[in-house]
Amino acid sequence: MSTTTTPDCKVHPGNPVESFLRTDRMPHIWCPGCGIGTTVNCFTRALIDSKQDLNKLAIVSGIGCTGRVAGYVNLDSFHTTHGRAIPFATGLKLASPETTVVVYSGDGDLFAIGGNHLIHAARRNMDIKVICVNNLTYAMTGGQTAPTTPEDVITATAPYGTYDPAFNLPYLVEAAGAVYVARWTTFHVKQLARSMQEMFAKKGFGFIEVVSPCPTLYQRRNKMGDALDTMKFYKEVSKTKHGAPTSEVGLTKSGEIVVGKFVDRERPDFTTHMHEHLQHSLGDKYIPAEGPVCG
């Protein structure tokens, strides 16, 4: 951790997160009170504590408020087209198997236009780590109803309240085949950082949902107060239930938020399964490539 000395000869410790950021791109575009920056703080601390080799780590994101994370972190990163973070990440992982590939994007990008890609990556158990910041709305484009918006919520496209059911993200990804599934809010910073460490260490498709405020659109339209009010709300209504059935952890506008680690299971990841299948089918004729596919 860097330090600075001021003219009064006092030593001030540097911010341990600063070295992970592209400070030349600051200030960022996120609104005051937005929770995305908090998740980035947790992410960088998880990288430090897990002693990740940053030369073998890449961030892939799509479009949206959370998609800007890839542009702000000082790591190998890919800011891809809308909804296509998962296929980009899949190609990157297959071409460079030793790389830890993290998909960092929002609920709209991952579960609306990108939903089909996510489902099949989980089905195949691709060895990629997905961090989904869920602010329950399409925040970058004006606060429209998203697939994650709970019922009875006011949005730009539902001024009298939403009525269609929302996705239960942990339930969906578990059913699709994910081997690690957790949910936290931006209030649970310590738990979130530890959960990220666990996901990094586990081979296969990992998924963490982070429930995060959008004070400018979601909270303001629904008269839920500012960001501080939202943190108090998260603290009051969150219940930690490790191992809870994911079918029972759906979100509502003002009800209980079930957080914790829901799924932690074992099954062969895509590459391992592929090699085992080819070895069984071809026998001695099968000679696996050595090193990354890209040479």
C-alpha atoms as a PDB file:
ATOM      1  CA  MET A   1       0.000   0.000   0.000  1.00  0.00           C
ATOM      2  CA  SER A   2       1.411   3.389  -1.004  1.00  0.00           C
ATOM      3  CA  THR A   3       1.850   6.284   1.407  1.00  0.00           C
ATOM      4  CA  THR A   4       2.235  10.025   1.024  1.00  0.00           C
ATOM      5  CA  THR A   5       3.974  12.588   3.246  1.00  0.00           C
ATOM      6  CA  THR A   6       2.455  16.052   3.596  1.00  0.00           C
ATOM      7  CA  PRO A   7       4.340  19.271   4.469  1.00  0.00           C
ATOM      8  CA  ASP A   8       3.367  18.776   8.127  1.00  0.00           C
ATOM      9  CA  CYS A   9       5.495  15.584   8.031  1.00  0.00           C
ATOM     10  CA  LYS A  10       2.505  13.368   8.708  1.00  0.00           C
ATOM     11  CA  VAL A  11       2.379  10.118   6.783  1.00  0.00           C
ATOM     12  CA  HIS A  12      -0.973   9.334   5.206  1.00  0.00           C
ATOM     13  CA  PRO A  13      -1.638   5.799   3.989  1.00  0.00           C
ATOM     14  CA  GLY A  14      -2.780   5.479   0.408  1.00  0.00           C
ATOM     15  CA  ASN A  15      -6.034   3.896  -0.653  1.00  0.00           C
ATOM     16  CA  PRO A  16      -5.348   0.181  -1.319  1.00  0.00           C
ATOM     17  CA  VAL A  17      -7.981   0.209  -4.048  1.00  0.00           C
ATOM     18  CA  GLU A  18      -6.411   3.089  -5.992  1.00  0.00           C
ATOM     19  CA  SER A  19      -3.832   0.941  -7.786  1.00  0.00           C
ATOM     20  CA  PHE A  20      -6.674  -1.092  -9.305  1.00  0.00           C
ATOM     21  CA  LEU A  21      -8.291   1.948 -10.925  1.00  0.00           C
ATOM     22  CA  ARG A  22      -7.640   3.884 -14.118  1.00  0.00           C
ATOM     23  CA  THR A  23      -7.498   7.206 -12.307  1.00  0.00           C
ATOM     24  CA  ASP A  24      -7.020   9.072 -15.582  1.00  0.00           C
ATOM     25  CA  ARG A  25     -10.635   8.193 -16.373  1.00  0.00           C
ATOM     26  CA  MET A  26     -11.983   9.777 -13.204  1.00  0.00           C
ATOM     27  CA  PRO A  27     -14.369  11.251 -12.272  1.00  0.00           C
ATOM     28  CA  HIS A  28     -16.681   8.355 -13.041  1.00  0.00           C
ATOM     29  CA  ILE A  29     -20.206   8.608 -14.449  1.00  0.00           C
ATOM     30  CA  TRP A  30     -22.025   6.904 -11.574  1.00  0.00           C
ATOM     31  CA  CYS A  31     -24.595   8.940  -9.664  1.00  0.00           C
ATOM     32  CA  PRO A  32     -24.069   9.942  -6.016  1.00  0.00           C
ATOM     33  CA  GLY A  33     -25.219   7.056  -3.855  1.00  0.00           C
ATOM     34  CA  CYS A  34     -24.990   4.449  -6.599  1.00  0.00           C
ATOM     35  CA  GLY A  35     -23.844   1.094  -5.211  1.00  0.00           C
ATOM     36  CA  ILE A  36     -21.661   0.029  -8.137  1.00  0.00           C
ATOM     37  CA  GLY A  37     -18.567   1.711  -6.714  1.00  0.00           C
ATOM     38  CA  THR A  38     -19.076  -0.182  -3.458  1.00  0.00           C
ATOM     39  CA  THR A  39     -19.071  -3.472  -5.362  1.00  0.00           C
ATOM     40  CA  VAL A  40     -15.826  -2.484  -7.097  1.00  0.00           C
ATOM     41  CA  ASN A  41     -14.265  -1.805  -3.697  1.00  0.00           C
ATOM     42  CA  CYS A  42     -15.323  -5.291  -2.544  1.00  0.00           C
ATOM     43  CA  PHE A  43     -14.007  -6.778  -5.774  1.00  0.00           C
ATOM     44  CA  THR A  44     -10.567  -5.217  -5.461  1.00  0.00           C
ATOM     45  CA  ARG A  45     -10.268  -6.268  -1.827  1.00  0.00           C
ATOM     46  CA  ALA A  46     -11.227  -9.802  -2.821  1.00  0.00           C
ATOM     47  CA  LEU A  47      -8.445  -9.748  -5.417  1.00  0.00           C
ATOM     48  CA  ILE A  48      -5.954  -8.589  -2.772  1.00  0.00           C
ATOM     49  CA  ASP A  49      -7.015 -11.104  -0.126  1.00  0.00           C
ATOM     50  CA  SER A  50      -7.157 -14.035  -2.539  1.00  0.00           C
ATOM     51  CA  LYS A  51      -3.736 -13.099  -3.975  1.00  0.00           C
ATOM     52  CA  GLN A  52      -4.986 -13.329  -7.532  1.00  0.00           C
ATOM     53  CA  ASP A  53      -2.354 -13.170 -10.261  1.00  0.00           C
ATOM     54  CA  LEU A  54      -3.505  -9.992 -11.981  1.00  0.00           C
ATOM     55  CA  ASN A  55      -1.547 -10.914 -15.102  1.00  0.00           C
ATOM     56  CA  LYS A  56      -3.870 -13.897 -15.467  1.00  0.00           C
ATOM     57  CA  LEU A  57      -7.159 -12.134 -14.827  1.00  0.00           C
ATOM     58  CA  ALA A  58      -9.537 -10.397 -17.225  1.00  0.00           C
ATOM     59  CA  ILE A  59     -12.770  -8.468 -16.774  1.00  0.00           C
ATOM     60  CA  VAL A  60     -15.546  -8.641 -19.379  1.00  0.00           C
ATOM     61  CA  SER A  61     -18.627  -6.423 -19.255  1.00  0.00           C
ATOM     62  CA  GLY A  62     -21.523  -5.439 -21.460  1.00  0.00           C
ATOM     63  CA  ILE A  63     -23.511  -2.215 -21.722  1.00  0.00           C
ATOM     64  CA  GLY A  64     -25.147  -0.328 -18.861  1.00  0.00           C
ATOM     65  CA  CYS A  65     -24.115   1.448 -15.681  1.00  0.00           C
ATOM     66  CA  THR A  66     -22.312  -1.633 -14.340  1.00  0.00           C
ATOM     67  CA  GLY A  67     -20.750  -2.261 -17.731  1.00  0.00           C
ATOM     68  CA  ARG A  68     -18.553   0.767 -17.145  1.00  0.00           C
ATOM     69  CA  VAL A  69     -16.612  -1.154 -14.505  1.00  0.00           C
ATOM     70  CA  ALA A  70     -14.430  -2.689 -17.220  1.00  0.00           C
ATOM     71  CA  GLY A  71     -13.339   0.778 -18.268  1.00  0.00           C
ATOM     72  CA  TYR A  72     -12.441   1.962 -14.791  1.00  0.00           C
ATOM     73  CA  VAL A  73     -10.443  -0.973 -13.437  1.00  0.00           C
ATOM     74  CA  ASN A  74      -6.736  -1.081 -14.257  1.00  0.00           C
ATOM     75  CA  LEU A  75      -6.832  -4.700 -15.440  1.00  0.00           C
ATOM     76  CA  ASP A  76      -7.078  -6.487 -18.776  1.00  0.00           C
ATOM     77  CA  SER A  77     -10.657  -5.700 -19.689  1.00  0.00           C
ATOM     78  CA  PHE A  78     -13.184  -5.998 -22.495  1.00  0.00           C
ATOM     79  CA  HIS A  79     -16.145  -3.615 -22.745  1.00  0.00           C
ATOM     80  CA  THR A  80     -18.312  -5.572 -25.153  1.00  0.00           C
ATOM     81  CA  THR A  81     -21.550  -5.072 -27.054  1.00  0.00           C
ATOM     82  CA  HIS A  82     -24.923  -5.093 -25.300  1.00  0.00           C
ATOM     83  CA  GLY A  83     -25.786  -8.497 -23.853  1.00  0.00           C
ATOM     84  CA  ARG A  84     -22.731 -10.233 -25.262  1.00  0.00           C
ATOM     85  CA  ALA A  85     -20.385 -10.275 -22.268  1.00  0.00           C
ATOM     86  CA  ILE A  86     -20.912 -14.016 -21.709  1.00  0.00           C
ATOM     87  CA  PRO A  87     -19.971 -15.192 -25.235  1.00  0.00           C
ATOM     88  CA  PHE A  88     -16.919 -12.895 -25.231  1.00  0.00           C
ATOM     89  CA  ALA A  89     -15.915 -14.336 -21.868  1.00  0.00           C
ATOM     90  CA  THR A  90     -16.496 -17.878 -23.112  1.00  0.00           C
ATOM     91  CA  GLY A  91     -14.197 -17.355 -26.075  1.00  0.00           C
ATOM     92  CA  LEU A  92     -11.565 -15.754 -23.875  1.00  0.00           C
ATOM     93  CA  LYS A  93     -11.644 -18.644 -21.404  1.00  0.00           C
ATOM     94  CA  LEU A  94     -11.383 -21.287 -24.132  1.00  0.00           C
ATOM     95  CA  ALA A  95      -8.504 -19.461 -25.807  1.00  0.00           C
ATOM     96  CA  SER A  96      -6.664 -18.846 -22.532  1.00  0.00           C
ATOM     97  CA  PRO A  97      -7.682 -21.533 -19.998  1.00  0.00           C
ATOM     98  CA  GLU A  98      -5.251 -20.291 -17.338  1.00  0.00           C
ATOM     99  CA  THR A  99      -6.932 -16.884 -17.200  1.00  0.00           C
ATOM    100  CA  THR A 100      -9.475 -16.139 -14.491  1.00  0.00           C
ATOM    101  CA  VAL A 101     -12.329 -14.606 -16.462  1.00  0.00           C
ATOM    102  CA  VAL A 102     -14.778 -12.384 -14.580  1.00  0.00           C
ATOM    103  CA  VAL A 103     -17.982 -11.098 -16.153  1.00  0.00           C
ATOM    104  CA  TYR A 104     -19.029  -7.896 -14.381  1.00  0.00           C
ATOM    105  CA  SER A 105     -22.313  -6.476 -15.614  1.00  0.00           C
ATOM    106  CA  GLY A 106     -25.854  -5.476 -14.724  1.00  0.00           C
ATOM    107  CA  ASP A 107     -29.168  -7.252 -14.482  1.00  0.00           C
ATOM    108  CA  GLY A 108     -30.494  -5.785 -17.727  1.00  0.00           C
ATOM    109  CA  ASP A 109     -27.426  -6.666 -19.770  1.00  0.00           C
ATOM    110  CA  LEU A 110     -27.102 -10.189 -18.358  1.00  0.00           C
ATOM    111  CA  PHE A 111     -30.736 -11.286 -18.015  1.00  0.00           C
ATOM    112  CA  ALA A 112     -32.608  -9.377 -20.724  1.00  0.00           C
ATOM    113  CA  ILE A 113     -30.777  -9.141 -24.041  1.00  0.00           C
ATOM    114  CA  GLY A 114     -28.006 -11.415 -22.700  1.00  0.00           C
ATOM    115  CA  GLY A 115     -30.211 -13.926 -20.905  1.00  0.00           C
ATOM    116  CA  ASN A 116     -29.924 -16.751 -23.427  1.00  0.00           C
ATOM    117  CA  HIS A 117     -26.114 -16.581 -23.356  1.00  0.00           C
ATOM    118  CA  LEU A 118     -26.063 -16.715 -19.558  1.00  0.00           C
ATOM    119  CA  ILE A 119     -28.389 -19.716 -19.371  1.00  0.00           C
ATOM    120  CA  HIS A 120     -26.288 -21.778 -21.766  1.00  0.00           C
ATOM    121  CA  ALA A 121     -22.981 -20.805 -20.157  1.00  0.00           C
ATOM    122  CA  ALA A 122     -24.373 -22.057 -16.845  1.00  0.00           C
ATOM    123  CA  ARG A 123     -25.692 -25.196 -18.547  1.00  0.00           C
ATOM    124  CA  ARG A 124     -22.243 -25.934 -19.966  1.00  0.00           C
ATOM    125  CA  ASN A 125     -20.625 -24.976 -16.664  1.00  0.00           C
ATOM    126  CA  MET A 126     -18.153 -22.637 -18.318  1.00  0.00           C
ATOM    127  CA  ASP A 127     -15.398 -21.713 -15.886  1.00  0.00           C
ATOM    128  CA  ILE A 128     -16.271 -18.023 -15.681  1.00  0.00           C
ATOM    129  CA  LYS A 129     -17.211 -15.897 -12.677  1.00  0.00           C
ATOM    130  CA  VAL A 130     -20.268 -13.650 -13.027  1.00  0.00           C
ATOM    131  CA  ILE A 131     -20.881 -10.632 -10.797  1.00  0.00           C
ATOM    132  CA  CYS A 132     -24.336  -9.189 -11.465  1.00  0.00           C
ATOM    133  CA  VAL A 133     -25.124  -5.812  -9.947  1.00  0.00           C
ATOM    134  CA  ASN A 134     -28.921  -5.769  -9.731  1.00  0.00           C
ATOM    135  CA  ASN A 135     -30.410  -2.307  -9.289  1.00  0.00           C
ATOM    136  CA  LEU A 136     -33.859  -3.577 -10.354  1.00  0.00           C
ATOM    137  CA  THR A 137     -34.215  -1.211 -13.311  1.00  0.00           C
ATOM    138  CA  TYR A 138     -32.710  -0.103 -16.613  1.00  0.00           C
ATOM    139  CA  ALA A 139     -30.746   2.674 -14.941  1.00  0.00           C
ATOM    140  CA  MET A 140     -28.591   4.048 -17.765  1.00  0.00           C
ATOM    141  CA  THR A 141     -31.465   4.583 -20.203  1.00  0.00           C
ATOM    142  CA  GLY A 142     -34.045   6.260 -17.970  1.00  0.00           C
ATOM    143  CA  GLY A 143     -35.350   3.771 -15.444  1.00  0.00           C
ATOM    144  CA  GLN A 144     -37.613   1.533 -17.511  1.00  0.00           C
ATOM    145  CA  THR A 145     -39.073  -1.749 -16.241  1.00  0.00           C
ATOM    146  CA  ALA A 146     -36.456  -4.521 -16.312  1.00  0.00           C
ATOM    147  CA  PRO A 147     -36.823  -8.321 -16.044  1.00  0.00           C
ATOM    148  CA  THR A 148     -35.792  -7.937 -12.396  1.00  0.00           C
ATOM    149  CA  THR A 149     -38.178  -5.104 -11.427  1.00  0.00           C
ATOM    150  CA  PRO A 150     -40.496  -6.302  -8.631  1.00  0.00           C
ATOM    151  CA  GLU A 151     -44.263  -5.886  -8.857  1.00  0.00           C
ATOM    152  CA  ASP A 152     -45.944  -2.596  -7.810  1.00  0.00           C
ATOM    153  CA  VAL A 153     -42.856  -0.530  -8.645  1.00  0.00           C
ATOM    154  CA  ILE A 154     -43.109   2.796 -10.495  1.00  0.00           C
ATOM    155  CA  THR A 155     -40.844   2.972 -13.545  1.00  0.00           C
ATOM    156  CA  ALA A 156     -40.558   5.138 -16.657  1.00  0.00           C
ATOM    157  CA  THR A 157     -42.573   2.571 -18.613  1.00  0.00           C
ATOM    158  CA  ALA A 158     -44.968   1.623 -15.797  1.00  0.00           C
ATOM    159  CA  PRO A 159     -46.134   4.927 -14.255  1.00  0.00           C
ATOM    160  CA  TYR A 160     -49.029   3.131 -12.499  1.00  0.00           C
ATOM    161  CA  GLY A 161     -46.867   0.300 -11.197  1.00  0.00           C
ATOM    162  CA  THR A 162     -45.440  -2.895 -12.639  1.00  0.00           C
ATOM    163  CA  TYR A 163     -47.575  -6.022 -12.654  1.00  0.00           C
ATOM    164  CA  ASP A 164     -45.576  -8.654 -14.538  1.00  0.00           C
ATOM    165  CA  PRO A 165     -43.520 -11.086 -12.401  1.00  0.00           C
ATOM    166  CA  ALA A 166     -39.776 -10.578 -12.088  1.00  0.00           C
ATOM    167  CA  PHE A 167     -36.959 -13.069 -12.512  1.00  0.00           C
ATOM    168  CA  ASN A 168     -35.614 -14.714  -9.376  1.00  0.00           C
ATOM    169  CA  LEU A 169     -31.957 -14.642 -10.431  1.00  0.00           C
ATOM    170  CA  PRO A 170     -30.465 -17.241  -8.030  1.00  0.00           C
ATOM    171  CA  TYR A 171     -33.284 -19.676  -8.870  1.00  0.00           C
ATOM    172  CA  LEU A 172     -32.747 -19.203 -12.602  1.00  0.00           C
ATOM    173  CA  VAL A 173     -28.984 -19.724 -12.601  1.00  0.00           C
ATOM    174  CA  GLU A 174     -29.161 -22.700 -10.239  1.00  0.00           C
ATOM    175  CA  ALA A 175     -31.722 -24.368 -12.508  1.00  0.00           C
ATOM    176  CA  ALA A 176     -29.469 -23.676 -15.496  1.00  0.00           C
ATOM    177  CA  GLY A 177     -26.526 -25.434 -13.824  1.00  0.00           C
ATOM    178  CA  ALA A 178     -24.353 -22.937 -11.931  1.00  0.00           C
ATOM    179  CA  VAL A 179     -22.097 -24.530  -9.312  1.00  0.00           C
ATOM    180  CA  TYR A 180     -21.797 -21.465  -7.072  1.00  0.00           C
ATOM    181  CA  VAL A 181     -24.681 -19.048  -6.401  1.00  0.00           C
ATOM    182  CA  ALA A 182     -24.826 -16.281  -3.792  1.00  0.00           C
ATOM    183  CA  ARG A 183     -26.587 -12.993  -3.154  1.00  0.00           C
ATOM    184  CA  TRP A 184     -25.630  -9.981  -1.052  1.00  0.00           C
ATOM    185  CA  THR A 185     -26.539  -6.311  -0.958  1.00  0.00           C
ATOM    186  CA  THR A 186     -24.169  -3.351  -1.060  1.00  0.00           C
ATOM    187  CA  PHE A 187     -24.649  -3.108   2.705  1.00  0.00           C
ATOM    188  CA  HIS A 188     -22.925  -6.496   3.161  1.00  0.00           C
ATOM    189  CA  VAL A 189     -19.441  -5.419   2.081  1.00  0.00           C
ATOM    190  CA  LYS A 190     -17.427  -7.932   4.119  1.00  0.00           C
ATOM    191  CA  GLN A 191     -19.645 -10.847   3.162  1.00  0.00           C
ATOM    192  CA  LEU A 192     -19.607  -9.837  -0.501  1.00  0.00           C
ATOM    193  CA  ALA A 193     -15.791  -9.666  -0.634  1.00  0.00           C
ATOM    194  CA  ARG A 194     -15.495 -13.099   1.016  1.00  0.00           C
ATOM    195  CA  SER A 195     -18.065 -14.544  -1.367  1.00  0.00           C
ATOM    196  CA  MET A 196     -16.090 -13.234  -4.337  1.00  0.00           C
ATOM    197  CA  GLN A 197     -12.984 -14.953  -2.965  1.00  0.00           C
ATOM    198  CA  GLU A 198     -14.872 -18.235  -2.683  1.00  0.00           C
ATOM    199  CA  MET A 199     -16.142 -17.921  -6.235  1.00  0.00           C
ATOM    200  CA  PHE A 200     -12.648 -17.224  -7.594  1.00  0.00           C
ATOM    201  CA  ALA A 201     -11.392 -20.423  -5.950  1.00  0.00           C
ATOM    202  CA  LYS A 202     -14.150 -22.644  -7.351  1.00  0.00           C
ATOM    203  CA  LYS A 203     -13.931 -24.124 -10.837  1.00  0.00           C
ATOM    204  CA  GLY A 204     -17.037 -23.800 -12.937  1.00  0.00           C
ATOM    205  CA  PHE A 205     -19.809 -21.268 -13.515  1.00  0.00           C
ATOM    206  CA  GLY A 206     -20.093 -19.010 -10.473  1.00  0.00           C
ATOM    207  CA  PHE A 207     -22.721 -16.311  -9.959  1.00  0.00           C
ATOM    208  CA  ILE A 208     -23.101 -13.561  -7.357  1.00  0.00           C
ATOM    209  CA  GLU A 209     -26.065 -11.213  -7.375  1.00  0.00           C
ATOM    210  CA  VAL A 210     -25.458  -7.872  -5.653  1.00  0.00           C
ATOM    211  CA  VAL A 211     -28.638  -5.942  -4.868  1.00  0.00           C
ATOM    212  CA  SER A 212     -27.710  -2.296  -5.292  1.00  0.00           C
ATOM    213  CA  PRO A 213     -29.544   1.055  -5.056  1.00  0.00           C
ATOM    214  CA  CYS A 214     -30.315   3.369  -7.945  1.00  0.00           C
ATOM    215  CA  PRO A 215     -31.153   6.542  -5.973  1.00  0.00           C
ATOM    216  CA  THR A 216     -31.634   8.721  -9.060  1.00  0.00           C
ATOM    217  CA  LEU A 217     -34.360   6.624 -10.661  1.00  0.00           C
ATOM    218  CA  TYR A 218     -35.616   3.575  -8.730  1.00  0.00           C
ATOM    219  CA  GLN A 219     -35.462   4.960  -5.188  1.00  0.00           C
ATOM    220  CA  ARG A 220     -36.609   8.475  -6.099  1.00  0.00           C
ATOM    221  CA  ARG A 221     -39.585   7.364  -8.196  1.00  0.00           C
ATOM    222  CA  ASN A 222     -40.729   4.973  -5.490  1.00  0.00           C
ATOM    223  CA  LYS A 223     -40.230   7.437  -2.626  1.00  0.00           C
ATOM    224  CA  MET A 224     -37.724   5.168  -0.899  1.00  0.00           C
ATOM    225  CA  GLY A 225     -35.376   7.952   0.167  1.00  0.00           C
ATOM    226  CA  ASP A 226     -31.738   8.482  -0.690  1.00  0.00           C
ATOM    227  CA  ALA A 227     -28.810   6.072  -0.712  1.00  0.00           C
ATOM    228  CA  LEU A 228     -28.361   6.214   3.065  1.00  0.00           C
ATOM    229  CA  ASP A 229     -32.031   5.349   3.529  1.00  0.00           C
ATOM    230  CA  THR A 230     -31.531   2.409   1.198  1.00  0.00           C
ATOM    231  CA  MET A 231     -28.583   1.127   3.235  1.00  0.00           C
ATOM    232  CA  LYS A 232     -30.745   1.303   6.364  1.00  0.00           C
ATOM    233  CA  PHE A 233     -33.487  -0.534   4.472  1.00  0.00           C
ATOM    234  CA  TYR A 234     -31.072  -3.263   3.378  1.00  0.00           C
ATOM    235  CA  LYS A 235     -29.872  -3.657   6.955  1.00  0.00           C
ATOM    236  CA  GLU A 236     -33.407  -3.915   8.332  1.00  0.00           C
ATOM    237  CA  VAL A 237     -34.962  -6.316   5.829  1.00  0.00           C
ATOM    238  CA  SER A 238     -32.030  -8.573   4.879  1.00  0.00           C
ATOM    239  CA  LYS A 239     -31.975 -12.065   6.339  1.00  0.00           C
ATOM    240  CA  THR A 240     -28.909 -14.296   5.955  1.00  0.00           C
ATOM    241  CA  LYS A 241     -30.012 -17.820   5.055  1.00  0.00           C
ATOM    242  CA  HIS A 242     -27.121 -19.880   3.722  1.00  0.00           C
ATOM    243  CA  GLY A 243     -28.365 -22.849   1.736  1.00  0.00           C
ATOM    244  CA  ALA A 244     -31.875 -21.452   1.365  1.00  0.00           C
ATOM    245  CA  PRO A 245     -33.871 -22.991  -1.507  1.00  0.00           C
ATOM    246  CA  THR A 246     -33.432 -20.538  -4.365  1.00  0.00           C
ATOM    247  CA  SER A 247     -37.092 -20.975  -5.307  1.00  0.00           C
ATOM    248  CA  GLU A 248     -37.892 -19.091  -2.094  1.00  0.00           C
ATOM    249  CA  VAL A 249     -35.568 -16.087  -2.415  1.00  0.00           C
ATOM    250  CA  GLY A 250     -37.444 -13.934  -4.951  1.00  0.00           C
ATOM    251  CA  LEU A 251     -37.344 -10.180  -4.375  1.00  0.00           C
ATOM    252  CA  THR A 252     -40.285  -7.883  -3.707  1.00  0.00           C
ATOM    253  CA  LYS A 253     -40.508  -4.102  -3.476  1.00  0.00           C
ATOM    254  CA  SER A 254     -40.424  -3.815   0.306  1.00  0.00           C
ATOM    255  CA  GLY A 255     -40.281  -7.358   1.671  1.00  0.00           C
ATOM    256  CA  GLU A 256     -37.492  -9.499   3.056  1.00  0.00           C
ATOM    257  CA  ILE A 257     -34.221  -9.746   1.109  1.00  0.00           C
ATOM    258  CA  VAL A 258     -32.764 -13.219   1.561  1.00  0.00           C
ATOM    259  CA  VAL A 259     -28.957 -13.101   1.304  1.00  0.00           C
ATOM    260  CA  GLY A 260     -26.248 -15.710   1.652  1.00  0.00           C
ATOM    261  CA  LYS A 261     -24.579 -18.535  -0.229  1.00  0.00           C
ATOM    262  CA  PHE A 262     -27.306 -20.684  -1.735  1.00  0.00           C
ATOM    263  CA  VAL A 263     -25.452 -23.144  -3.979  1.00  0.00           C
ATOM    264  CA  ASP A 264     -21.970 -24.662  -3.694  1.00  0.00           C
ATOM    265  CA  ARG A 265     -21.797 -27.956  -5.576  1.00  0.00           C
ATOM    266  CA  GLU A 266     -19.449 -29.946  -7.744  1.00  0.00           C
ATOM    267  CA  ARG A 267     -19.666 -30.993 -11.377  1.00  0.00           C
ATOM    268  CA  PRO A 268     -17.090 -31.003 -14.186  1.00  0.00           C
ATOM    269  CA  ASP A 269     -16.595 -27.694 -15.926  1.00  0.00           C
ATOM    270  CA  PHE A 270     -16.960 -27.490 -19.702  1.00  0.00           C
ATOM    271  CA  THR A 271     -13.284 -27.947 -20.590  1.00  0.00           C
ATOM    272  CA  THR A 272     -12.769 -30.867 -18.219  1.00  0.00           C
ATOM    273  CA  HIS A 273     -15.912 -32.571 -19.492  1.00  0.00           C
ATOM    274  CA  MET A 274     -14.871 -32.002 -23.111  1.00  0.00           C
ATOM    275  CA  HIS A 275     -11.441 -33.564 -22.579  1.00  0.00           C
ATOM    276  CA  GLU A 276     -12.940 -36.535 -20.740  1.00  0.00           C
ATOM    277  CA  HIS A 277     -15.442 -37.111 -23.534  1.00  0.00           C
ATOM    278  CA  LEU A 278     -12.837 -36.899 -26.293  1.00  0.00           C
ATOM    279  CA  GLN A 279     -10.452 -39.160 -24.395  1.00  0.00           C
ATOM    280  CA  HIS A 280     -13.227 -41.732 -23.979  1.00  0.00           C
ATOM    281  CA  SER A 281     -14.317 -41.461 -27.619  1.00  0.00           C
ATOM    282  CA  LEU A 282     -10.906 -41.343 -29.310  1.00  0.00           C
ATOM    283  CA  GLY A 283      -8.659 -43.172 -26.881  1.00  0.00           C
ATOM    284  CA  ASP A 284      -4.980 -42.977 -27.820  1.00  0.00           C
ATOM    285  CA  LYS A 285      -5.846 -40.955 -30.911  1.00  0.00           C
ATOM    286  CA  TYR A 286      -6.753 -37.997 -28.730  1.00  0.00           C
ATOM    287  CA  ILE A 287      -3.817 -35.662 -28.111  1.00  0.00           C
ATOM    288  CA  PRO A 288      -4.910 -32.562 -26.165  1.00  0.00           C
ATOM    289  CA  ALA A 289      -3.292 -29.272 -27.106  1.00  0.00           C
ATOM    290  CA  GLU A 290      -0.600 -28.005 -24.764  1.00  0.00           C
ATOM    291  CA  GLY A 291      -0.962 -24.479 -23.398  1.00  0.00           C
ATOM    292  CA  PRO A 292      -3.413 -21.812 -24.574  1.00  0.00           C
ATOM    293  CA  VAL A 293      -5.228 -22.360 -27.833  1.00  0.00           C
ATOM    294  CA  CYS A 294      -3.993 -18.990 -29.068  1.00  0.00           C
ATOM    295  CA  GLY A 295      -0.365 -20.150 -28.844  1.00  0.00           C
END
